[in-house]
PDB file of N, CA and C in Angstrom:
ATOM      1  N   UNK A   1       9.463  26.002  20.401  1.00  0.00           N
ATOM      2  CA  UNK A   1       8.299  25.136  20.352  1.00  0.00           C
ATOM      3  C   UNK A   1       7.144  25.819  19.623  1.00  0.00           C
ATOM      4  N   UNK A   2       7.175  27.133  19.552  1.00  0.00           N
ATOM      5  CA  UNK A   2       6.092  27.854  18.894  1.00  0.00           C
ATOM      6  C   UNK A   2       6.377  28.134  17.430  1.00  0.00           C
ATOM      7  N   UNK A   3       7.473  27.595  16.926  1.00  0.00           N
ATOM      8  CA  UNK A   3       7.753  27.711  15.502  1.00  0.00           C
ATOM      9  C   UNK A   3       6.570  27.119  14.741  1.00  0.00           C
ATOM     10  N   UNK A   4       6.043  27.843  13.741  1.00  0.00           N
ATOM     11  CA  UNK A   4       4.849  27.340  13.056  1.00  0.00           C
ATOM     12  C   UNK A   4       5.040  25.968  12.403  1.00  0.00           C
ATOM     13  N   UNK A   5       6.228  25.700  11.902  1.00  0.00           N
ATOM     14  CA  UNK A   5       6.470  24.397  11.283  1.00  0.00           C
ATOM     15  C   UNK A   5       6.414  23.276  12.319  1.00  0.00           C
ATOM     16  N   UNK A   6       6.813  23.577  13.540  1.00  0.00           N
ATOM     17  CA  UNK A   6       6.780  22.584  14.608  1.00  0.00           C
ATOM     18  C   UNK A   6       5.389  22.524  15.245  1.00  0.00           C
ATOM     19  N   UNK A   7       4.821  23.693  15.556  1.00  0.00           N
ATOM     20  CA  UNK A   7       3.541  23.763  16.264  1.00  0.00           C
ATOM     21  C   UNK A   7       2.387  23.202  15.440  1.00  0.00           C
ATOM     22  N   UNK A   8       2.480  23.309  14.112  1.00  0.00           N
ATOM     23  CA  UNK A   8       1.412  22.794  13.262  1.00  0.00           C
ATOM     24  C   UNK A   8       1.861  21.602  12.422  1.00  0.00           C
ATOM     25  N   UNK A   9       3.159  21.428  12.249  1.00  0.00           N
ATOM     26  CA  UNK A   9       3.671  20.318  11.458  1.00  0.00           C
ATOM     27  C   UNK A   9       3.531  18.982  12.163  1.00  0.00           C
ATOM     28  N   UNK A  10       3.839  18.951  13.441  1.00  0.00           N
ATOM     29  CA  UNK A  10       3.712  17.701  14.201  1.00  0.00           C
ATOM     30  C   UNK A  10       2.247  17.250  14.266  1.00  0.00           C
ATOM     31  N   UNK A  11       1.297  18.148  14.597  1.00  0.00           N
ATOM     32  CA  UNK A  11      -0.099  17.710  14.564  1.00  0.00           C
ATOM     33  C   UNK A  11      -0.557  17.264  13.164  1.00  0.00           C
ATOM     34  N   UNK A  12      -0.067  17.940  12.127  1.00  0.00           N
ATOM     35  CA  UNK A  12      -0.428  17.525  10.762  1.00  0.00           C
ATOM     36  C   UNK A  12       0.107  16.126  10.469  1.00  0.00           C
ATOM     37  N   UNK A  13       1.350  15.858  10.879  1.00  0.00           N
ATOM     38  CA  UNK A  13       1.914  14.519  10.690  1.00  0.00           C
ATOM     39  C   UNK A  13       1.122  13.477  11.475  1.00  0.00           C
ATOM     40  N   UNK A  14       0.743  13.804  12.709  1.00  0.00           N
ATOM     41  CA  UNK A  14      -0.040  12.863  13.513  1.00  0.00           C
ATOM     42  C   UNK A  14      -1.412  12.610  12.894  1.00  0.00           C
ATOM     43  N   UNK A  15      -2.002  13.630  12.288  1.00  0.00           N
ATOM     44  CA  UNK A  15      -3.286  13.424  11.613  1.00  0.00           C
ATOM     45  C   UNK A  15      -3.131  12.542  10.378  1.00  0.00           C
ATOM     46  N   UNK A  16      -2.054  12.742   9.623  1.00  0.00           N
ATOM     47  CA  UNK A  16      -1.797  11.881   8.463  1.00  0.00           C
ATOM     48  C   UNK A  16      -1.577  10.446   8.933  1.00  0.00           C
ATOM     49  N   UNK A  17      -0.822  10.276  10.010  1.00  0.00           N
ATOM     50  CA  UNK A  17      -0.594   8.947  10.570  1.00  0.00           C
ATOM     51  C   UNK A  17      -1.905   8.323  11.046  1.00  0.00           C
ATOM     52  N   UNK A  18      -2.749   9.133  11.676  1.00  0.00           N
ATOM     53  CA  UNK A  18      -4.046   8.652  12.153  1.00  0.00           C
ATOM     54  C   UNK A  18      -4.895   8.180  10.980  1.00  0.00           C
ATOM     55  N   UNK A  19      -4.959   8.978   9.917  1.00  0.00           N
ATOM     56  CA  UNK A  19      -5.758   8.605   8.744  1.00  0.00           C
ATOM     57  C   UNK A  19      -5.223   7.329   8.106  1.00  0.00           C
ATOM     58  N   UNK A  20      -3.892   7.208   8.030  1.00  0.00           N
ATOM     59  CA  UNK A  20      -3.297   6.008   7.442  1.00  0.00           C
ATOM     60  C   UNK A  20      -3.675   4.764   8.245  1.00  0.00           C
ATOM     61  N   UNK A  21      -3.575   4.850   9.561  1.00  0.00           N
ATOM     62  CA  UNK A  21      -3.950   3.707  10.392  1.00  0.00           C
ATOM     63  C   UNK A  21      -5.451   3.446  10.345  1.00  0.00           C
ATOM     64  N   UNK A  22      -6.259   4.506  10.244  1.00  0.00           N
ATOM     65  CA  UNK A  22      -7.707   4.318  10.161  1.00  0.00           C
ATOM     66  C   UNK A  22      -8.082   3.608   8.864  1.00  0.00           C
ATOM     67  N   UNK A  23      -7.439   3.977   7.771  1.00  0.00           N
ATOM     68  CA  UNK A  23      -7.707   3.305   6.502  1.00  0.00           C
ATOM     69  C   UNK A  23      -7.229   1.856   6.536  1.00  0.00           C
ATOM     70  N   UNK A  24      -6.072   1.632   7.136  1.00  0.00           N
ATOM     71  CA  UNK A  24      -5.549   0.275   7.271  1.00  0.00           C
ATOM     72  C   UNK A  24      -6.456  -0.561   8.166  1.00  0.00           C
ATOM     73  N   UNK A  25      -7.025   0.071   9.194  1.00  0.00           N
ATOM     74  CA  UNK A  25      -7.912  -0.627  10.129  1.00  0.00           C
ATOM     75  C   UNK A  25      -9.169  -1.125   9.423  1.00  0.00           C
ATOM     76  N   UNK A  26      -9.662  -0.330   8.469  1.00  0.00           N
ATOM     77  CA  UNK A  26     -10.871  -0.729   7.740  1.00  0.00           C
ATOM     78  C   UNK A  26     -10.651  -1.969   6.884  1.00  0.00           C
ATOM     79  N   UNK A  27      -9.444  -2.076   6.337  1.00  0.00           N
ATOM     80  CA  UNK A  27      -9.182  -3.207   5.443  1.00  0.00           C
ATOM     81  C   UNK A  27      -8.517  -4.380   6.155  1.00  0.00           C
ATOM     82  N   UNK A  28      -8.382  -4.299   7.467  1.00  0.00           N
ATOM     83  CA  UNK A  28      -7.689  -5.334   8.212  1.00  0.00           C
ATOM     84  C   UNK A  28      -8.567  -5.826   9.360  1.00  0.00           C
ATOM     85  N   UNK A  29      -8.235  -6.995   9.856  1.00  0.00           N
ATOM     86  CA  UNK A  29      -8.949  -7.546  11.001  1.00  0.00           C
ATOM     87  C   UNK A  29      -8.085  -7.573  12.260  1.00  0.00           C
ATOM     88  N   UNK A  30      -7.045  -6.789  12.286  1.00  0.00           N
ATOM     89  CA  UNK A  30      -6.159  -6.747  13.458  1.00  0.00           C
ATOM     90  C   UNK A  30      -6.894  -6.012  14.584  1.00  0.00           C
ATOM     91  N   UNK A  31      -7.068  -6.655  15.732  1.00  0.00           N
ATOM     92  CA  UNK A  31      -7.927  -6.081  16.768  1.00  0.00           C
ATOM     93  C   UNK A  31      -7.344  -4.873  17.510  1.00  0.00           C
ATOM     94  N   UNK A  32      -6.042  -4.728  17.569  1.00  0.00           N
ATOM     95  CA  UNK A  32      -5.464  -3.670  18.390  1.00  0.00           C
ATOM     96  C   UNK A  32      -5.274  -2.352  17.639  1.00  0.00           C
ATOM     97  N   UNK A  33      -5.674  -2.248  16.400  1.00  0.00           N
ATOM     98  CA  UNK A  33      -5.493  -1.010  15.654  1.00  0.00           C
ATOM     99  C   UNK A  33      -6.354   0.130  16.206  1.00  0.00           C
ATOM    100  N   UNK A  34      -7.469  -0.199  16.807  1.00  0.00           N
ATOM    101  CA  UNK A  34      -8.278   0.828  17.463  1.00  0.00           C
ATOM    102  C   UNK A  34      -7.520   1.457  18.620  1.00  0.00           C
ATOM    103  N   UNK A  35      -6.767   0.644  19.346  1.00  0.00           N
ATOM    104  CA  UNK A  35      -5.953   1.160  20.448  1.00  0.00           C
ATOM    105  C   UNK A  35      -4.831   2.049  19.918  1.00  0.00           C
ATOM    106  N   UNK A  36      -4.257   1.685  18.776  1.00  0.00           N
ATOM    107  CA  UNK A  36      -3.214   2.507  18.148  1.00  0.00           C
ATOM    108  C   UNK A  36      -3.793   3.872  17.772  1.00  0.00           C
ATOM    109  N   UNK A  37      -5.001   3.884  17.241  1.00  0.00           N
ATOM    110  CA  UNK A  37      -5.651   5.153  16.908  1.00  0.00           C
ATOM    111  C   UNK A  37      -5.881   5.999  18.159  1.00  0.00           C
ATOM    112  N   UNK A  38      -6.254   5.347  19.245  1.00  0.00           N
ATOM    113  CA  UNK A  38      -6.444   6.052  20.511  1.00  0.00           C
ATOM    114  C   UNK A  38      -5.131   6.669  20.994  1.00  0.00           C
ATOM    115  N   UNK A  39      -4.041   5.931  20.872  1.00  0.00           N
ATOM    116  CA  UNK A  39      -2.735   6.446  21.305  1.00  0.00           C
ATOM    117  C   UNK A  39      -2.311   7.633  20.445  1.00  0.00           C
ATOM    118  N   UNK A  40      -2.517   7.546  19.131  1.00  0.00           N
ATOM    119  CA  UNK A  40      -2.154   8.665  18.251  1.00  0.00           C
ATOM    120  C   UNK A  40      -2.983   9.893  18.610  1.00  0.00           C
ATOM    121  N   UNK A  41      -4.272   9.722  18.861  1.00  0.00           N
ATOM    122  CA  UNK A  41      -5.124  10.845  19.258  1.00  0.00           C
ATOM    123  C   UNK A  41      -4.663  11.425  20.602  1.00  0.00           C
ATOM    124  N   UNK A  42      -4.219  10.561  21.506  1.00  0.00           N
ATOM    125  CA  UNK A  42      -3.690  11.035  22.789  1.00  0.00           C
ATOM    126  C   UNK A  42      -2.413  11.831  22.622  1.00  0.00           C
ATOM    127  N   UNK A  43      -1.521  11.359  21.756  1.00  0.00           N
ATOM    128  CA  UNK A  43      -0.296  12.125  21.475  1.00  0.00           C
ATOM    129  C   UNK A  43      -0.632  13.478  20.871  1.00  0.00           C
ATOM    130  N   UNK A  44      -1.587  13.513  19.977  1.00  0.00           N
ATOM    131  CA  UNK A  44      -1.990  14.778  19.354  1.00  0.00           C
ATOM    132  C   UNK A  44      -2.526  15.743  20.399  1.00  0.00           C
ATOM    133  N   UNK A  45      -3.357  15.251  21.286  1.00  0.00           N
ATOM    134  CA  UNK A  45      -3.917  16.097  22.337  1.00  0.00           C
ATOM    135  C   UNK A  45      -2.833  16.563  23.307  1.00  0.00           C
ATOM    136  N   UNK A  46      -1.981  15.651  23.742  1.00  0.00           N
ATOM    137  CA  UNK A  46      -0.910  16.017  24.679  1.00  0.00           C
ATOM    138  C   UNK A  46       0.068  17.001  24.084  1.00  0.00           C
ATOM    139  N   UNK A  47       0.464  16.791  22.844  1.00  0.00           N
ATOM    140  CA  UNK A  47       1.384  17.715  22.187  1.00  0.00           C
ATOM    141  C   UNK A  47       0.747  19.092  22.054  1.00  0.00           C
ATOM    142  N   UNK A  48      -0.518  19.126  21.668  1.00  0.00           N
ATOM    143  CA  UNK A  48      -1.200  20.408  21.502  1.00  0.00           C
ATOM    144  C   UNK A  48      -1.305  21.151  22.830  1.00  0.00           C
ATOM    145  N   UNK A  49      -1.552  20.415  23.902  1.00  0.00           N
ATOM    146  CA  UNK A  49      -1.596  21.054  25.223  1.00  0.00           C
ATOM    147  C   UNK A  49      -0.245  21.644  25.607  1.00  0.00           C
ATOM    148  N   UNK A  50       0.831  20.948  25.306  1.00  0.00           N
ATOM    149  CA  UNK A  50       2.164  21.470  25.614  1.00  0.00           C
ATOM    150  C   UNK A  50       2.471  22.732  24.823  1.00  0.00           C
ATOM    151  N   UNK A  51       2.094  22.757  23.553  1.00  0.00           N
ATOM    152  CA  UNK A  51       2.343  23.940  22.735  1.00  0.00           C
ATOM    153  C   UNK A  51       1.509  25.111  23.245  1.00  0.00           C
ATOM    154  N   UNK A  52       0.262  24.848  23.604  1.00  0.00           N
ATOM    155  CA  UNK A  52      -0.585  25.914  24.147  1.00  0.00           C
ATOM    156  C   UNK A  52      -0.021  26.423  25.475  1.00  0.00           C
ATOM    157  N   UNK A  53       0.478  25.527  26.298  1.00  0.00           N
ATOM    158  CA  UNK A  53       1.079  25.940  27.569  1.00  0.00           C
ATOM    159  C   UNK A  53       2.300  26.825  27.321  1.00  0.00           C
ATOM    160  N   UNK A  54       3.103  26.484  26.345  1.00  0.00           N
ATOM    161  CA  UNK A  54       4.259  27.310  25.997  1.00  0.00           C
ATOM    162  C   UNK A  54       3.808  28.684  25.506  1.00  0.00           C
ATOM    163  N   UNK A  55       2.760  28.715  24.709  1.00  0.00           N
ATOM    164  CA  UNK A  55       2.239  29.998  24.218  1.00  0.00           C
ATOM    165  C   UNK A  55       1.720  30.848  25.377  1.00  0.00           C
ATOM    166  N   UNK A  56       1.045  30.215  26.323  1.00  0.00           N
ATOM    167  CA  UNK A  56       0.542  30.953  27.487  1.00  0.00           C
ATOM    168  C   UNK A  56       1.702  31.530  28.296  1.00  0.00           C
ATOM    169  N   UNK A  57       2.775  30.742  28.476  1.00  0.00           N
ATOM    170  CA  UNK A  57       3.949  31.246  29.190  1.00  0.00           C
ATOM    171  C   UNK A  57       4.586  32.417  28.458  1.00  0.00           C
ATOM    172  N   UNK A  58       4.675  32.326  27.133  1.00  0.00           N
ATOM    173  CA  UNK A  58       5.254  33.425  26.347  1.00  0.00           C
ATOM    174  C   UNK A  58       4.389  34.685  26.460  1.00  0.00           C
ATOM    175  N   UNK A  59       3.076  34.511  26.409  1.00  0.00           N
ATOM    176  CA  UNK A  59       2.178  35.663  26.521  1.00  0.00           C
ATOM    177  C   UNK A  59       2.295  36.281  27.912  1.00  0.00           C
ATOM    178  N   UNK A  60       2.454  35.457  28.940  1.00  0.00           N
ATOM    179  CA  UNK A  60       2.590  35.978  30.306  1.00  0.00           C
ATOM    180  C   UNK A  60       3.880  36.775  30.471  1.00  0.00           C
ATOM    181  N   UNK A  61       4.945  36.347  29.773  1.00  0.00           N
ATOM    182  CA  UNK A  61       6.233  37.050  29.888  1.00  0.00           C
ATOM    183  C   UNK A  61       6.258  38.339  29.076  1.00  0.00           C
ATOM    184  N   UNK A  62       5.616  38.314  27.914  1.00  0.00           N
ATOM    185  CA  UNK A  62       5.650  39.501  27.041  1.00  0.00           C
ATOM    186  C   UNK A  62       4.230  40.025  26.871  1.00  0.00           C
ATOM    187  N   UNK A  63       3.680  39.893  25.694  1.00  0.00           N
ATOM    188  CA  UNK A  63       2.296  40.275  25.433  1.00  0.00           C
ATOM    189  C   UNK A  63       1.761  39.413  24.293  1.00  0.00           C
ATOM    190  N   UNK A  64       0.454  39.419  24.169  1.00  0.00           N
ATOM    191  CA  UNK A  64      -0.177  38.639  23.124  1.00  0.00           C
ATOM    192  C   UNK A  64       0.277  39.129  21.751  1.00  0.00           C
ATOM    193  N   UNK A  65       0.303  40.439  21.590  1.00  0.00           N
ATOM    194  CA  UNK A  65       0.688  41.024  20.298  1.00  0.00           C
ATOM    195  C   UNK A  65       2.140  40.683  19.954  1.00  0.00           C
ATOM    196  N   UNK A  66       3.020  40.690  20.942  1.00  0.00           N
ATOM    197  CA  UNK A  66       4.424  40.356  20.691  1.00  0.00           C
ATOM    198  C   UNK A  66       4.570  38.903  20.229  1.00  0.00           C
ATOM    199  N   UNK A  67       3.861  38.002  20.873  1.00  0.00           N
ATOM    200  CA  UNK A  67       3.917  36.586  20.477  1.00  0.00           C
ATOM    201  C   UNK A  67       3.364  36.419  19.066  1.00  0.00           C
ATOM    202  N   UNK A  68       2.280  37.109  18.786  1.00  0.00           N
ATOM    203  CA  UNK A  68       1.681  37.024  17.455  1.00  0.00           C
ATOM    204  C   UNK A  68       2.627  37.591  16.394  1.00  0.00           C
ATOM    205  N   UNK A  69       3.273  38.689  16.669  1.00  0.00           N
ATOM    206  CA  UNK A  69       4.208  39.288  15.711  1.00  0.00           C
ATOM    207  C   UNK A  69       5.469  38.446  15.549  1.00  0.00           C
ATOM    208  N   UNK A  70       5.936  37.844  16.616  1.00  0.00           N
ATOM    209  CA  UNK A  70       7.163  37.049  16.570  1.00  0.00           C
ATOM    210  C   UNK A  70       6.972  35.761  15.781  1.00  0.00           C
ATOM    211  N   UNK A  71       5.872  35.073  16.006  1.00  0.00           N
ATOM    212  CA  UNK A  71       5.675  33.749  15.399  1.00  0.00           C
ATOM    213  C   UNK A  71       4.800  33.780  14.145  1.00  0.00           C
ATOM    214  N   UNK A  72       4.274  34.935  13.797  1.00  0.00           N
ATOM    215  CA  UNK A  72       3.536  35.163  12.550  1.00  0.00           C
ATOM    216  C   UNK A  72       2.221  34.384  12.451  1.00  0.00           C
ATOM    217  N   UNK A  73       1.624  34.040  13.562  1.00  0.00           N
ATOM    218  CA  UNK A  73       0.292  33.446  13.583  1.00  0.00           C
ATOM    219  C   UNK A  73      -0.345  33.762  14.933  1.00  0.00           C
ATOM    220  N   UNK A  74      -1.656  33.740  14.955  1.00  0.00           N
ATOM    221  CA  UNK A  74      -2.367  33.998  16.199  1.00  0.00           C
ATOM    222  C   UNK A  74      -2.286  32.769  17.102  1.00  0.00           C
ATOM    223  N   UNK A  75      -1.942  32.962  18.366  1.00  0.00           N
ATOM    224  CA  UNK A  75      -1.913  31.810  19.277  1.00  0.00           C
ATOM    225  C   UNK A  75      -3.266  31.104  19.415  1.00  0.00           C
ATOM    226  N   UNK A  76      -4.330  31.779  19.042  1.00  0.00           N
ATOM    227  CA  UNK A  76      -5.645  31.135  19.084  1.00  0.00           C
ATOM    228  C   UNK A  76      -5.734  29.978  18.089  1.00  0.00           C
ATOM    229  N   UNK A  77      -4.941  30.012  17.037  1.00  0.00           N
ATOM    230  CA  UNK A  77      -4.940  28.919  16.066  1.00  0.00           C
ATOM    231  C   UNK A  77      -4.438  27.607  16.672  1.00  0.00           C
ATOM    232  N   UNK A  78      -3.727  27.698  17.782  1.00  0.00           N
ATOM    233  CA  UNK A  78      -3.222  26.496  18.437  1.00  0.00           C
ATOM    234  C   UNK A  78      -4.349  25.642  19.028  1.00  0.00           C
ATOM    235  N   UNK A  79      -5.527  26.225  19.135  1.00  0.00           N
ATOM    236  CA  UNK A  79      -6.666  25.475  19.666  1.00  0.00           C
ATOM    237  C   UNK A  79      -7.193  24.460  18.655  1.00  0.00           C
ATOM    238  N   UNK A  80      -6.937  24.676  17.368  1.00  0.00           N
ATOM    239  CA  UNK A  80      -7.475  23.774  16.343  1.00  0.00           C
ATOM    240  C   UNK A  80      -6.951  22.350  16.510  1.00  0.00           C
ATOM    241  N   UNK A  81      -5.614  22.133  16.597  1.00  0.00           N
ATOM    242  CA  UNK A  81      -5.155  20.750  16.809  1.00  0.00           C
ATOM    243  C   UNK A  81      -5.635  20.155  18.133  1.00  0.00           C
ATOM    244  N   UNK A  82      -5.771  20.988  19.147  1.00  0.00           N
ATOM    245  CA  UNK A  82      -6.259  20.495  20.442  1.00  0.00           C
ATOM    246  C   UNK A  82      -7.702  20.013  20.321  1.00  0.00           C
ATOM    247  N   UNK A  83      -8.534  20.779  19.666  1.00  0.00           N
ATOM    248  CA  UNK A  83      -9.936  20.397  19.504  1.00  0.00           C
ATOM    249  C   UNK A  83     -10.052  19.123  18.668  1.00  0.00           C
ATOM    250  N   UNK A  84      -9.273  19.039  17.597  1.00  0.00           N
ATOM    251  CA  UNK A  84      -9.289  17.834  16.761  1.00  0.00           C
ATOM    252  C   UNK A  84      -8.839  16.626  17.579  1.00  0.00           C
ATOM    253  N   UNK A  85      -7.780  16.784  18.370  1.00  0.00           N
ATOM    254  CA  UNK A  85      -7.290  15.689  19.204  1.00  0.00           C
ATOM    255  C   UNK A  85      -8.309  15.233  20.226  1.00  0.00           C
ATOM    256  N   UNK A  86      -8.988  16.182  20.860  1.00  0.00           N
ATOM    257  CA  UNK A  86     -10.002  15.834  21.857  1.00  0.00           C
ATOM    258  C   UNK A  86     -11.170  15.109  21.190  1.00  0.00           C
ATOM    259  N   UNK A  87     -11.584  15.596  20.022  1.00  0.00           N
ATOM    260  CA  UNK A  87     -12.674  14.924  19.304  1.00  0.00           C
ATOM    261  C   UNK A  87     -12.292  13.498  18.916  1.00  0.00           C
ATOM    262  N   UNK A  88     -11.063  13.310  18.444  1.00  0.00           N
ATOM    263  CA  UNK A  88     -10.612  11.966  18.087  1.00  0.00           C
ATOM    264  C   UNK A  88     -10.529  11.062  19.318  1.00  0.00           C
ATOM    265  N   UNK A  89     -10.111  11.621  20.450  1.00  0.00           N
ATOM    266  CA  UNK A  89     -10.090  10.842  21.691  1.00  0.00           C
ATOM    267  C   UNK A  89     -11.494  10.400  22.083  1.00  0.00           C
ATOM    268  N   UNK A  90     -12.443  11.314  21.982  1.00  0.00           N
ATOM    269  CA  UNK A  90     -13.824  10.980  22.341  1.00  0.00           C
ATOM    270  C   UNK A  90     -14.374   9.901  21.416  1.00  0.00           C
ATOM    271  N   UNK A  91     -14.123  10.049  20.110  1.00  0.00           N
ATOM    272  CA  UNK A  91     -14.588   9.044  19.151  1.00  0.00           C
ATOM    273  C   UNK A  91     -13.997   7.676  19.472  1.00  0.00           C
ATOM    274  N   UNK A  92     -12.705   7.648  19.786  1.00  0.00           N
ATOM    275  CA  UNK A  92     -12.056   6.368  20.084  1.00  0.00           C
ATOM    276  C   UNK A  92     -12.510   5.789  21.423  1.00  0.00           C
ATOM    277  N   UNK A  93     -12.790   6.637  22.395  1.00  0.00           N
ATOM    278  CA  UNK A  93     -13.326   6.140  23.665  1.00  0.00           C
ATOM    279  C   UNK A  93     -14.700   5.515  23.465  1.00  0.00           C
ATOM    280  N   UNK A  94     -15.540   6.162  22.692  1.00  0.00           N
ATOM    281  CA  UNK A  94     -16.873   5.620  22.415  1.00  0.00           C
ATOM    282  C   UNK A  94     -16.746   4.311  21.641  1.00  0.00           C
ATOM    283  N   UNK A  95     -15.882   4.292  20.637  1.00  0.00           N
ATOM    284  CA  UNK A  95     -15.675   3.074  19.840  1.00  0.00           C
ATOM    285  C   UNK A  95     -15.163   1.932  20.731  1.00  0.00           C
ATOM    286  N   UNK A  96     -14.243   2.236  21.631  1.00  0.00           N
ATOM    287  CA  UNK A  96     -13.721   1.220  22.544  1.00  0.00           C
ATOM    288  C   UNK A  96     -14.776   0.715  23.504  1.00  0.00           C
ATOM    289  N   UNK A  97     -15.591   1.634  24.020  1.00  0.00           N
ATOM    290  CA  UNK A  97     -16.666   1.234  24.933  1.00  0.00           C
ATOM    291  C   UNK A  97     -17.651   0.304  24.230  1.00  0.00           C
ATOM    292  N   UNK A  98     -18.016   0.665  23.011  1.00  0.00           N
ATOM    293  CA  UNK A  98     -18.956  -0.181  22.270  1.00  0.00           C
ATOM    294  C   UNK A  98     -18.366  -1.544  21.960  1.00  0.00           C
ATOM    295  N   UNK A  99     -17.070  -1.585  21.687  1.00  0.00           N
ATOM    296  CA  UNK A  99     -16.425  -2.869  21.404  1.00  0.00           C
ATOM    297  C   UNK A  99     -16.392  -3.748  22.657  1.00  0.00           C
ATOM    298  N   UNK A 100     -16.069  -3.163  23.809  1.00  0.00           N
ATOM    299  CA  UNK A 100     -16.055  -3.917  25.062  1.00  0.00           C
ATOM    300  C   UNK A 100     -17.464  -4.401  25.395  1.00  0.00           C
ATOM    301  N   UNK A 101     -18.449  -3.539  25.179  1.00  0.00           N
ATOM    302  CA  UNK A 101     -19.838  -3.920  25.432  1.00  0.00           C
ATOM    303  C   UNK A 101     -20.253  -5.078  24.531  1.00  0.00           C
ATOM    304  N   UNK A 102     -19.854  -5.039  23.273  1.00  0.00           N
ATOM    305  CA  UNK A 102     -20.179  -6.104  22.326  1.00  0.00           C
ATOM    306  C   UNK A 102     -19.530  -7.428  22.738  1.00  0.00           C
ATOM    307  N   UNK A 103     -18.268  -7.370  23.161  1.00  0.00           N
ATOM    308  CA  UNK A 103     -17.562  -8.586  23.587  1.00  0.00           C
ATOM    309  C   UNK A 103     -18.218  -9.164  24.829  1.00  0.00           C
ATOM    310  N   UNK A 104     -18.624  -8.315  25.762  1.00  0.00           N
ATOM    311  CA  UNK A 104     -19.278  -8.811  26.974  1.00  0.00           C
ATOM    312  C   UNK A 104     -20.612  -9.477  26.661  1.00  0.00           C
ATOM    313  N   UNK A 105     -21.357  -8.888  25.712  1.00  0.00           N
ATOM    314  CA  UNK A 105     -22.644  -9.494  25.351  1.00  0.00           C
ATOM    315  C   UNK A 105     -22.458 -10.825  24.633  1.00  0.00           C
ATOM    316  N   UNK A 106     -21.396 -10.931  23.852  1.00  0.00           N
ATOM    317  CA  UNK A 106     -21.123 -12.185  23.135  1.00  0.00           C
ATOM    318  C   UNK A 106     -20.643 -13.285  24.073  1.00  0.00           C
ATOM    319  N   UNK A 107     -20.013 -12.912  25.177  1.00  0.00           N
ATOM    320  CA  UNK A 107     -19.468 -13.919  26.083  1.00  0.00           C
ATOM    321  C   UNK A 107     -20.531 -14.469  27.042  1.00  0.00           C
ATOM    322  N   UNK A 108     -21.699 -13.858  27.098  1.00  0.00           N
ATOM    323  CA  UNK A 108     -22.754 -14.340  28.003  1.00  0.00           C
ATOM    324  C   UNK A 108     -23.429 -15.565  27.477  1.00  0.00           C
TER     325      UNK A 108
END
């Protein structure tokens, strides 16, 4: 799971997928695309947490230096996809809240 192609490739693919849906959302009037973006951001965050948990387990069994030498990257780099995922989740939560608020005001 800590293979660099897997640990960073899956988040990169999810980010490309997120950007593709975000661009499609701008040119479309389909209402549920915001929810799709939220789900992709959730998958990115969840996957990143699992990879970080695996790295923590590996460090607990061996050492930080051994994990870094074995996988050829610093485990601290695993925080980047997690931070991006959390930021995207927050953006989508705010966007969803504003949309619900707008619908409620229109229905009054």
